[in-house]
PDB file of N, CA and C in Angstrom:
ATOM      1  N   UNK A   1     -13.719 -21.721  -9.124  1.00  0.00           N
ATOM      2  CA  UNK A   1     -12.739 -20.964  -8.446  1.00  0.00           C
ATOM      3  C   UNK A   1     -13.110 -20.775  -7.050  1.00  0.00           C
ATOM      4  N   UNK A   2     -12.279 -21.001  -6.032  1.00  0.00           N
ATOM      5  CA  UNK A   2     -12.588 -21.002  -4.798  1.00  0.00           C
ATOM      6  C   UNK A   2     -12.153 -19.557  -4.109  1.00  0.00           C
ATOM      7  N   UNK A   3     -12.570 -19.280  -3.051  1.00  0.00           N
ATOM      8  CA  UNK A   3     -12.377 -18.008  -2.221  1.00  0.00           C
ATOM      9  C   UNK A   3     -10.859 -17.586  -2.150  1.00  0.00           C
ATOM     10  N   UNK A   4      -9.910 -18.639  -2.011  1.00  0.00           N
ATOM     11  CA  UNK A   4      -8.498 -18.459  -1.961  1.00  0.00           C
ATOM     12  C   UNK A   4      -8.026 -17.972  -3.310  1.00  0.00           C
ATOM     13  N   UNK A   5      -8.429 -18.581  -4.272  1.00  0.00           N
ATOM     14  CA  UNK A   5      -7.936 -18.242  -5.606  1.00  0.00           C
ATOM     15  C   UNK A   5      -8.491 -16.794  -5.969  1.00  0.00           C
ATOM     16  N   UNK A   6      -9.638 -16.593  -5.527  1.00  0.00           N
ATOM     17  CA  UNK A   6     -10.141 -15.192  -5.843  1.00  0.00           C
ATOM     18  C   UNK A   6      -9.453 -14.122  -5.010  1.00  0.00           C
ATOM     19  N   UNK A   7      -9.166 -14.347  -3.802  1.00  0.00           N
ATOM     20  CA  UNK A   7      -8.375 -13.395  -3.019  1.00  0.00           C
ATOM     21  C   UNK A   7      -7.082 -13.172  -3.628  1.00  0.00           C
ATOM     22  N   UNK A   8      -6.195 -14.275  -3.974  1.00  0.00           N
ATOM     23  CA  UNK A   8      -4.996 -14.164  -4.567  1.00  0.00           C
ATOM     24  C   UNK A   8      -5.111 -13.439  -5.849  1.00  0.00           C
ATOM     25  N   UNK A   9      -6.040 -13.557  -6.631  1.00  0.00           N
ATOM     26  CA  UNK A   9      -6.231 -12.712  -7.783  1.00  0.00           C
ATOM     27  C   UNK A   9      -6.434 -11.295  -7.559  1.00  0.00           C
ATOM     28  N   UNK A  10      -7.179 -10.948  -6.536  1.00  0.00           N
ATOM     29  CA  UNK A  10      -7.409  -9.513  -6.225  1.00  0.00           C
ATOM     30  C   UNK A  10      -6.200  -8.997  -5.656  1.00  0.00           C
ATOM     31  N   UNK A  11      -5.526  -9.566  -4.695  1.00  0.00           N
ATOM     32  CA  UNK A  11      -4.284  -8.916  -4.148  1.00  0.00           C
ATOM     33  C   UNK A  11      -3.208  -8.782  -5.361  1.00  0.00           C
ATOM     34  N   UNK A  12      -3.268  -9.852  -6.227  1.00  0.00           N
ATOM     35  CA  UNK A  12      -2.187  -9.804  -7.271  1.00  0.00           C
ATOM     36  C   UNK A  12      -2.500  -8.553  -8.230  1.00  0.00           C
ATOM     37  N   UNK A  13      -3.666  -8.288  -8.502  1.00  0.00           N
ATOM     38  CA  UNK A  13      -4.065  -7.087  -9.166  1.00  0.00           C
ATOM     39  C   UNK A  13      -3.825  -5.693  -8.514  1.00  0.00           C
ATOM     40  N   UNK A  14      -4.102  -5.817  -7.252  1.00  0.00           N
ATOM     41  CA  UNK A  14      -3.835  -4.552  -6.490  1.00  0.00           C
ATOM     42  C   UNK A  14      -2.348  -4.305  -6.483  1.00  0.00           C
ATOM     43  N   UNK A  15      -1.618  -5.222  -6.493  1.00  0.00           N
ATOM     44  CA  UNK A  15      -0.039  -5.241  -6.394  1.00  0.00           C
ATOM     45  C   UNK A  15       0.336  -4.630  -7.809  1.00  0.00           C
ATOM     46  N   UNK A  16      -0.250  -5.025  -8.839  1.00  0.00           N
ATOM     47  CA  UNK A  16      -0.009  -4.674 -10.154  1.00  0.00           C
ATOM     48  C   UNK A  16      -0.244  -3.001 -10.373  1.00  0.00           C
ATOM     49  N   UNK A  17      -1.320  -2.646  -9.690  1.00  0.00           N
ATOM     50  CA  UNK A  17      -1.931  -1.335  -9.876  1.00  0.00           C
ATOM     51  C   UNK A  17      -1.155  -0.317  -8.852  1.00  0.00           C
ATOM     52  N   UNK A  18      -0.923  -0.806  -7.675  1.00  0.00           N
ATOM     53  CA  UNK A  18      -0.160  -0.076  -6.630  1.00  0.00           C
ATOM     54  C   UNK A  18       0.921  -0.807  -6.033  1.00  0.00           C
ATOM     55  N   UNK A  19       2.009  -0.913  -6.763  1.00  0.00           N
ATOM     56  CA  UNK A  19       3.150  -1.800  -6.169  1.00  0.00           C
ATOM     57  C   UNK A  19       3.675  -1.330  -4.873  1.00  0.00           C
ATOM     58  N   UNK A  20       3.405  -0.158  -4.251  1.00  0.00           N
ATOM     59  CA  UNK A  20       3.895   0.453  -3.061  1.00  0.00           C
ATOM     60  C   UNK A  20       3.089  -0.364  -1.948  1.00  0.00           C
ATOM     61  N   UNK A  21       1.920  -0.779  -2.248  1.00  0.00           N
ATOM     62  CA  UNK A  21       1.257  -1.435  -1.075  1.00  0.00           C
ATOM     63  C   UNK A  21       1.827  -2.707  -0.838  1.00  0.00           C
ATOM     64  N   UNK A  22       2.116  -2.962   0.542  1.00  0.00           N
ATOM     65  CA  UNK A  22       2.474  -4.268   1.166  1.00  0.00           C
ATOM     66  C   UNK A  22       1.487  -5.138   1.199  1.00  0.00           C
ATOM     67  N   UNK A  23       1.250  -6.026   0.038  1.00  0.00           N
ATOM     68  CA  UNK A  23       0.200  -7.019  -0.047  1.00  0.00           C
ATOM     69  C   UNK A  23       0.183  -7.932   1.224  1.00  0.00           C
ATOM     70  N   UNK A  24       1.317  -8.476   1.565  1.00  0.00           N
ATOM     71  CA  UNK A  24       1.301  -9.414   2.677  1.00  0.00           C
ATOM     72  C   UNK A  24       0.862  -8.912   4.133  1.00  0.00           C
ATOM     73  N   UNK A  25       0.706  -7.663   4.273  1.00  0.00           N
ATOM     74  CA  UNK A  25       0.252  -6.971   5.375  1.00  0.00           C
ATOM     75  C   UNK A  25      -0.986  -6.157   5.260  1.00  0.00           C
ATOM     76  N   UNK A  26      -1.739  -6.500   4.030  1.00  0.00           N
ATOM     77  CA  UNK A  26      -2.946  -5.605   3.804  1.00  0.00           C
ATOM     78  C   UNK A  26      -4.011  -6.029   4.735  1.00  0.00           C
ATOM     79  N   UNK A  27      -4.798  -5.071   5.303  1.00  0.00           N
ATOM     80  CA  UNK A  27      -6.102  -5.374   6.064  1.00  0.00           C
ATOM     81  C   UNK A  27      -7.121  -5.503   5.050  1.00  0.00           C
ATOM     82  N   UNK A  28      -7.720  -6.851   5.038  1.00  0.00           N
ATOM     83  CA  UNK A  28      -8.838  -7.023   4.051  1.00  0.00           C
ATOM     84  C   UNK A  28     -10.111  -6.284   4.196  1.00  0.00           C
ATOM     85  N   UNK A  29     -10.274  -5.637   5.417  1.00  0.00           N
ATOM     86  CA  UNK A  29     -11.521  -4.922   5.646  1.00  0.00           C
ATOM     87  C   UNK A  29     -11.314  -3.403   5.667  1.00  0.00           C
ATOM     88  N   UNK A  30     -10.061  -3.096   5.384  1.00  0.00           N
ATOM     89  CA  UNK A  30      -9.777  -1.609   5.364  1.00  0.00           C
ATOM     90  C   UNK A  30     -10.108  -1.072   3.847  1.00  0.00           C
ATOM     91  N   UNK A  31     -10.471   0.223   3.936  1.00  0.00           N
ATOM     92  CA  UNK A  31     -10.832   0.909   2.605  1.00  0.00           C
ATOM     93  C   UNK A  31      -9.557   1.038   1.791  1.00  0.00           C
ATOM     94  N   UNK A  32      -9.747   0.461   0.636  1.00  0.00           N
ATOM     95  CA  UNK A  32      -8.627   0.719  -0.450  1.00  0.00           C
ATOM     96  C   UNK A  32      -8.347   2.091  -0.665  1.00  0.00           C
ATOM     97  N   UNK A  33      -9.377   2.827  -0.707  1.00  0.00           N
ATOM     98  CA  UNK A  33      -9.297   4.269  -1.010  1.00  0.00           C
ATOM     99  C   UNK A  33      -8.575   4.979   0.190  1.00  0.00           C
ATOM    100  N   UNK A  34      -9.161   4.942   1.264  1.00  0.00           N
ATOM    101  CA  UNK A  34      -8.742   5.582   2.426  1.00  0.00           C
ATOM    102  C   UNK A  34      -7.422   5.212   3.062  1.00  0.00           C
ATOM    103  N   UNK A  35      -7.335   3.851   3.310  1.00  0.00           N
ATOM    104  CA  UNK A  35      -6.293   3.338   3.978  1.00  0.00           C
ATOM    105  C   UNK A  35      -5.007   3.129   3.011  1.00  0.00           C
ATOM    106  N   UNK A  36      -5.231   2.860   1.831  1.00  0.00           N
ATOM    107  CA  UNK A  36      -4.075   2.449   0.778  1.00  0.00           C
ATOM    108  C   UNK A  36      -4.062   3.557  -0.353  1.00  0.00           C
ATOM    109  N   UNK A  37      -4.885   4.574  -0.333  1.00  0.00           N
ATOM    110  CA  UNK A  37      -4.684   5.748  -1.140  1.00  0.00           C
ATOM    111  C   UNK A  37      -4.923   5.279  -2.762  1.00  0.00           C
ATOM    112  N   UNK A  38      -5.795   4.215  -2.858  1.00  0.00           N
ATOM    113  CA  UNK A  38      -6.151   3.969  -4.387  1.00  0.00           C
ATOM    114  C   UNK A  38      -7.113   5.264  -4.774  1.00  0.00           C
ATOM    115  N   UNK A  39      -6.934   5.826  -5.831  1.00  0.00           N
ATOM    116  CA  UNK A  39      -7.721   6.809  -6.402  1.00  0.00           C
ATOM    117  C   UNK A  39      -8.804   6.261  -7.167  1.00  0.00           C
ATOM    118  N   UNK A  40      -9.666   7.018  -7.837  1.00  0.00           N
ATOM    119  CA  UNK A  40     -10.785   6.578  -8.582  1.00  0.00           C
ATOM    120  C   UNK A  40     -10.274   5.976  -9.999  1.00  0.00           C
ATOM    121  N   UNK A  41      -9.185   6.413 -10.362  1.00  0.00           N
ATOM    122  CA  UNK A  41      -8.568   5.706 -11.685  1.00  0.00           C
ATOM    123  C   UNK A  41      -7.982   4.346 -11.252  1.00  0.00           C
ATOM    124  N   UNK A  42      -7.270   4.323 -10.066  1.00  0.00           N
ATOM    125  CA  UNK A  42      -6.806   3.039  -9.698  1.00  0.00           C
ATOM    126  C   UNK A  42      -7.936   2.089  -9.415  1.00  0.00           C
ATOM    127  N   UNK A  43      -9.067   2.601  -8.908  1.00  0.00           N
ATOM    128  CA  UNK A  43     -10.203   1.765  -8.664  1.00  0.00           C
ATOM    129  C   UNK A  43     -10.696   1.016 -10.056  1.00  0.00           C
ATOM    130  N   UNK A  44     -10.779   2.057 -10.908  1.00  0.00           N
ATOM    131  CA  UNK A  44     -11.370   1.645 -12.335  1.00  0.00           C
ATOM    132  C   UNK A  44     -10.419   0.614 -12.884  1.00  0.00           C
ATOM    133  N   UNK A  45      -9.130   0.882 -12.789  1.00  0.00           N
ATOM    134  CA  UNK A  45      -8.247  -0.070 -13.515  1.00  0.00           C
ATOM    135  C   UNK A  45      -8.322  -1.476 -12.591  1.00  0.00           C
ATOM    136  N   UNK A  46      -8.482  -1.456 -11.374  1.00  0.00           N
ATOM    137  CA  UNK A  46      -8.526  -2.719 -10.631  1.00  0.00           C
ATOM    138  C   UNK A  46      -9.759  -3.424 -11.090  1.00  0.00           C
ATOM    139  N   UNK A  47     -10.893  -2.841 -11.237  1.00  0.00           N
ATOM    140  CA  UNK A  47     -11.875  -3.417 -11.678  1.00  0.00           C
ATOM    141  C   UNK A  47     -11.968  -4.093 -13.029  1.00  0.00           C
ATOM    142  N   UNK A  48     -11.315  -3.258 -13.966  1.00  0.00           N
ATOM    143  CA  UNK A  48     -11.086  -3.634 -15.316  1.00  0.00           C
ATOM    144  C   UNK A  48     -10.148  -4.929 -15.278  1.00  0.00           C
ATOM    145  N   UNK A  49      -9.136  -4.911 -14.535  1.00  0.00           N
ATOM    146  CA  UNK A  49      -8.109  -6.017 -14.610  1.00  0.00           C
ATOM    147  C   UNK A  49      -8.827  -7.254 -13.941  1.00  0.00           C
ATOM    148  N   UNK A  50      -9.629  -7.044 -13.004  1.00  0.00           N
ATOM    149  CA  UNK A  50     -10.377  -8.319 -12.470  1.00  0.00           C
ATOM    150  C   UNK A  50     -11.379  -8.811 -13.449  1.00  0.00           C
ATOM    151  N   UNK A  51     -11.987  -7.896 -14.258  1.00  0.00           N
ATOM    152  CA  UNK A  51     -12.908  -8.405 -15.245  1.00  0.00           C
ATOM    153  C   UNK A  51     -12.139  -9.177 -16.382  1.00  0.00           C
ATOM    154  N   UNK A  52     -11.114  -8.621 -16.665  1.00  0.00           N
ATOM    155  CA  UNK A  52     -10.125  -9.249 -17.799  1.00  0.00           C
ATOM    156  C   UNK A  52      -9.749 -10.595 -17.253  1.00  0.00           C
ATOM    157  N   UNK A  53      -9.286 -10.727 -15.894  1.00  0.00           N
ATOM    158  CA  UNK A  53      -8.518 -11.894 -15.443  1.00  0.00           C
ATOM    159  C   UNK A  53      -9.504 -12.928 -15.127  1.00  0.00           C
ATOM    160  N   UNK A  54     -10.762 -12.609 -14.430  1.00  0.00           N
ATOM    161  CA  UNK A  54     -11.620 -13.618 -13.953  1.00  0.00           C
ATOM    162  C   UNK A  54     -12.881 -13.583 -14.791  1.00  0.00           C
ATOM    163  N   UNK A  55     -13.186 -12.699 -15.590  1.00  0.00           N
ATOM    164  CA  UNK A  55     -14.319 -12.707 -16.427  1.00  0.00           C
ATOM    165  C   UNK A  55     -15.697 -12.225 -15.702  1.00  0.00           C
ATOM    166  N   UNK A  56     -15.439 -11.498 -14.641  1.00  0.00           N
ATOM    167  CA  UNK A  56     -16.646 -11.117 -13.801  1.00  0.00           C
ATOM    168  C   UNK A  56     -16.792  -9.508 -14.089  1.00  0.00           C
ATOM    169  N   UNK A  57     -18.095  -9.334 -14.512  1.00  0.00           N
ATOM    170  CA  UNK A  57     -18.378  -7.914 -14.859  1.00  0.00           C
ATOM    171  C   UNK A  57     -18.943  -7.290 -13.425  1.00  0.00           C
ATOM    172  N   UNK A  58     -18.442  -6.016 -13.092  1.00  0.00           N
ATOM    173  CA  UNK A  58     -18.824  -5.396 -12.012  1.00  0.00           C
ATOM    174  C   UNK A  58     -19.422  -4.005 -12.477  1.00  0.00           C
ATOM    175  N   UNK A  59     -20.826  -3.996 -12.553  1.00  0.00           N
ATOM    176  CA  UNK A  59     -21.394  -2.733 -12.958  1.00  0.00           C
ATOM    177  C   UNK A  59     -21.133  -1.547 -11.899  1.00  0.00           C
ATOM    178  N   UNK A  60     -21.118  -0.325 -12.530  1.00  0.00           N
ATOM    179  CA  UNK A  60     -20.957   0.795 -11.542  1.00  0.00           C
ATOM    180  C   UNK A  60     -21.770   0.937 -10.311  1.00  0.00           C
ATOM    181  N   UNK A  61     -23.004   0.392 -10.531  1.00  0.00           N
ATOM    182  CA  UNK A  61     -24.038   0.394  -9.574  1.00  0.00           C
ATOM    183  C   UNK A  61     -23.576  -0.422  -8.274  1.00  0.00           C
ATOM    184  N   UNK A  62     -22.864  -1.572  -8.591  1.00  0.00           N
ATOM    185  CA  UNK A  62     -22.134  -2.462  -7.602  1.00  0.00           C
ATOM    186  C   UNK A  62     -20.849  -1.765  -7.129  1.00  0.00           C
ATOM    187  N   UNK A  63     -20.110  -1.419  -8.064  1.00  0.00           N
ATOM    188  CA  UNK A  63     -18.736  -1.168  -7.776  1.00  0.00           C
ATOM    189  C   UNK A  63     -18.688   0.036  -6.628  1.00  0.00           C
ATOM    190  N   UNK A  64     -19.464   0.859  -6.595  1.00  0.00           N
ATOM    191  CA  UNK A  64     -19.490   1.937  -5.571  1.00  0.00           C
ATOM    192  C   UNK A  64     -19.762   1.421  -4.267  1.00  0.00           C
ATOM    193  N   UNK A  65     -20.149   0.169  -3.954  1.00  0.00           N
ATOM    194  CA  UNK A  65     -20.245  -0.325  -2.684  1.00  0.00           C
ATOM    195  C   UNK A  65     -19.025  -1.365  -2.336  1.00  0.00           C
ATOM    196  N   UNK A  66     -18.017  -1.589  -3.210  1.00  0.00           N
ATOM    197  CA  UNK A  66     -16.936  -2.352  -2.975  1.00  0.00           C
ATOM    198  C   UNK A  66     -15.763  -1.513  -2.604  1.00  0.00           C
ATOM    199  N   UNK A  67     -15.447  -1.438  -1.093  1.00  0.00           N
ATOM    200  CA  UNK A  67     -14.571  -0.690  -0.675  1.00  0.00           C
ATOM    201  C   UNK A  67     -13.264  -1.442  -0.213  1.00  0.00           C
ATOM    202  N   UNK A  68     -13.368  -2.611  -0.085  1.00  0.00           N
ATOM    203  CA  UNK A  68     -12.153  -3.354   0.558  1.00  0.00           C
ATOM    204  C   UNK A  68     -11.893  -4.605  -0.244  1.00  0.00           C
ATOM    205  N   UNK A  69     -10.787  -5.240   0.095  1.00  0.00           N
ATOM    206  CA  UNK A  69     -10.467  -6.468  -0.460  1.00  0.00           C
ATOM    207  C   UNK A  69     -11.440  -7.502  -0.238  1.00  0.00           C
ATOM    208  N   UNK A  70     -12.039  -7.484   1.072  1.00  0.00           N
ATOM    209  CA  UNK A  70     -13.006  -8.463   1.389  1.00  0.00           C
ATOM    210  C   UNK A  70     -14.350  -8.223   0.615  1.00  0.00           C
ATOM    211  N   UNK A  71     -14.627  -7.043   0.463  1.00  0.00           N
ATOM    212  CA  UNK A  71     -15.887  -6.747  -0.420  1.00  0.00           C
ATOM    213  C   UNK A  71     -15.834  -7.223  -1.716  1.00  0.00           C
ATOM    214  N   UNK A  72     -14.554  -6.958  -2.359  1.00  0.00           N
ATOM    215  CA  UNK A  72     -14.301  -7.594  -3.769  1.00  0.00           C
ATOM    216  C   UNK A  72     -14.195  -9.020  -3.810  1.00  0.00           C
ATOM    217  N   UNK A  73     -13.816  -9.731  -2.674  1.00  0.00           N
ATOM    218  CA  UNK A  73     -13.779 -11.145  -2.684  1.00  0.00           C
ATOM    219  C   UNK A  73     -15.219 -11.685  -2.606  1.00  0.00           C
ATOM    220  N   UNK A  74     -15.876 -11.125  -1.603  1.00  0.00           N
ATOM    221  CA  UNK A  74     -17.254 -11.536  -1.454  1.00  0.00           C
ATOM    222  C   UNK A  74     -17.973 -11.530  -2.674  1.00  0.00           C
ATOM    223  N   UNK A  75     -18.020 -10.310  -3.329  1.00  0.00           N
ATOM    224  CA  UNK A  75     -18.782 -10.117  -4.571  1.00  0.00           C
ATOM    225  C   UNK A  75     -18.343 -11.032  -5.648  1.00  0.00           C
ATOM    226  N   UNK A  76     -17.136 -11.181  -5.987  1.00  0.00           N
ATOM    227  CA  UNK A  76     -16.876 -12.121  -7.036  1.00  0.00           C
ATOM    228  C   UNK A  76     -17.071 -13.471  -6.772  1.00  0.00           C
ATOM    229  N   UNK A  77     -17.001 -13.856  -5.476  1.00  0.00           N
ATOM    230  CA  UNK A  77     -17.239 -15.280  -5.077  1.00  0.00           C
ATOM    231  C   UNK A  77     -18.751 -15.684  -5.300  1.00  0.00           C
ATOM    232  N   UNK A  78     -19.572 -14.573  -4.992  1.00  0.00           N
ATOM    233  CA  UNK A  78     -21.058 -14.889  -5.228  1.00  0.00           C
ATOM    234  C   UNK A  78     -21.286 -14.925  -6.808  1.00  0.00           C
ATOM    235  N   UNK A  79     -20.566 -14.264  -7.409  1.00  0.00           N
ATOM    236  CA  UNK A  79     -20.911 -14.268  -8.999  1.00  0.00           C
ATOM    237  C   UNK A  79     -20.419 -15.625  -9.592  1.00  0.00           C
ATOM    238  N   UNK A  80     -19.405 -16.339  -8.939  1.00  0.00           N
ATOM    239  CA  UNK A  80     -19.080 -17.601  -9.202  1.00  0.00           C
ATOM    240  C   UNK A  80     -20.062 -18.692  -9.037  1.00  0.00           C
ATOM    241  N   UNK A  81     -20.766 -18.462  -7.991  1.00  0.00           N
ATOM    242  CA  UNK A  81     -21.680 -19.382  -7.316  1.00  0.00           C
ATOM    243  C   UNK A  81     -22.959 -19.312  -8.068  1.00  0.00           C
ATOM    244  N   UNK A  82     -23.321 -18.308  -8.767  1.00  0.00           N
ATOM    245  CA  UNK A  82     -24.597 -18.091  -9.429  1.00  0.00           C
ATOM    246  C   UNK A  82     -24.708 -18.849 -10.597  1.00  0.00           C
ATOM    247  N   UNK A  83     -25.726 -19.527 -10.873  1.00  0.00           N
ATOM    248  CA  UNK A  83     -25.909 -20.355 -12.141  1.00  0.00           C
ATOM    249  C   UNK A  83     -25.994 -19.471 -13.367  1.00  0.00           C
ATOM    250  N   UNK A  84     -25.525 -19.963 -14.585  1.00  0.00           N
ATOM    251  CA  UNK A  84     -25.550 -19.220 -15.714  1.00  0.00           C
ATOM    252  C   UNK A  84     -26.861 -19.679 -16.366  1.00  0.00           C
ATOM    253  N   UNK A  85     -27.239 -18.660 -17.235  1.00  0.00           N
ATOM    254  CA  UNK A  85     -28.440 -18.957 -18.128  1.00  0.00           C
ATOM    255  C   UNK A  85     -28.013 -19.622 -19.342  1.00  0.00           C
TER     256      UNK A  85
END
């Protein structure tokens, strides 16, 4: 899965959780919480949806550092590049 596919999946899941956000004009570096009013439950639902869709586990210790679309895409992209044991 490439970066474009990951970004599309992240934006699609955000759109499902917060349909009032205009996905086409989202600032990838803006805080989802502060700029787009995603609350903690929305954030949890987003992480669960991404886990289900992409199979990427995002532990709480990492999730607290993921504030924007760019953060999520970077994090997930790195997980796809890591070799599996």
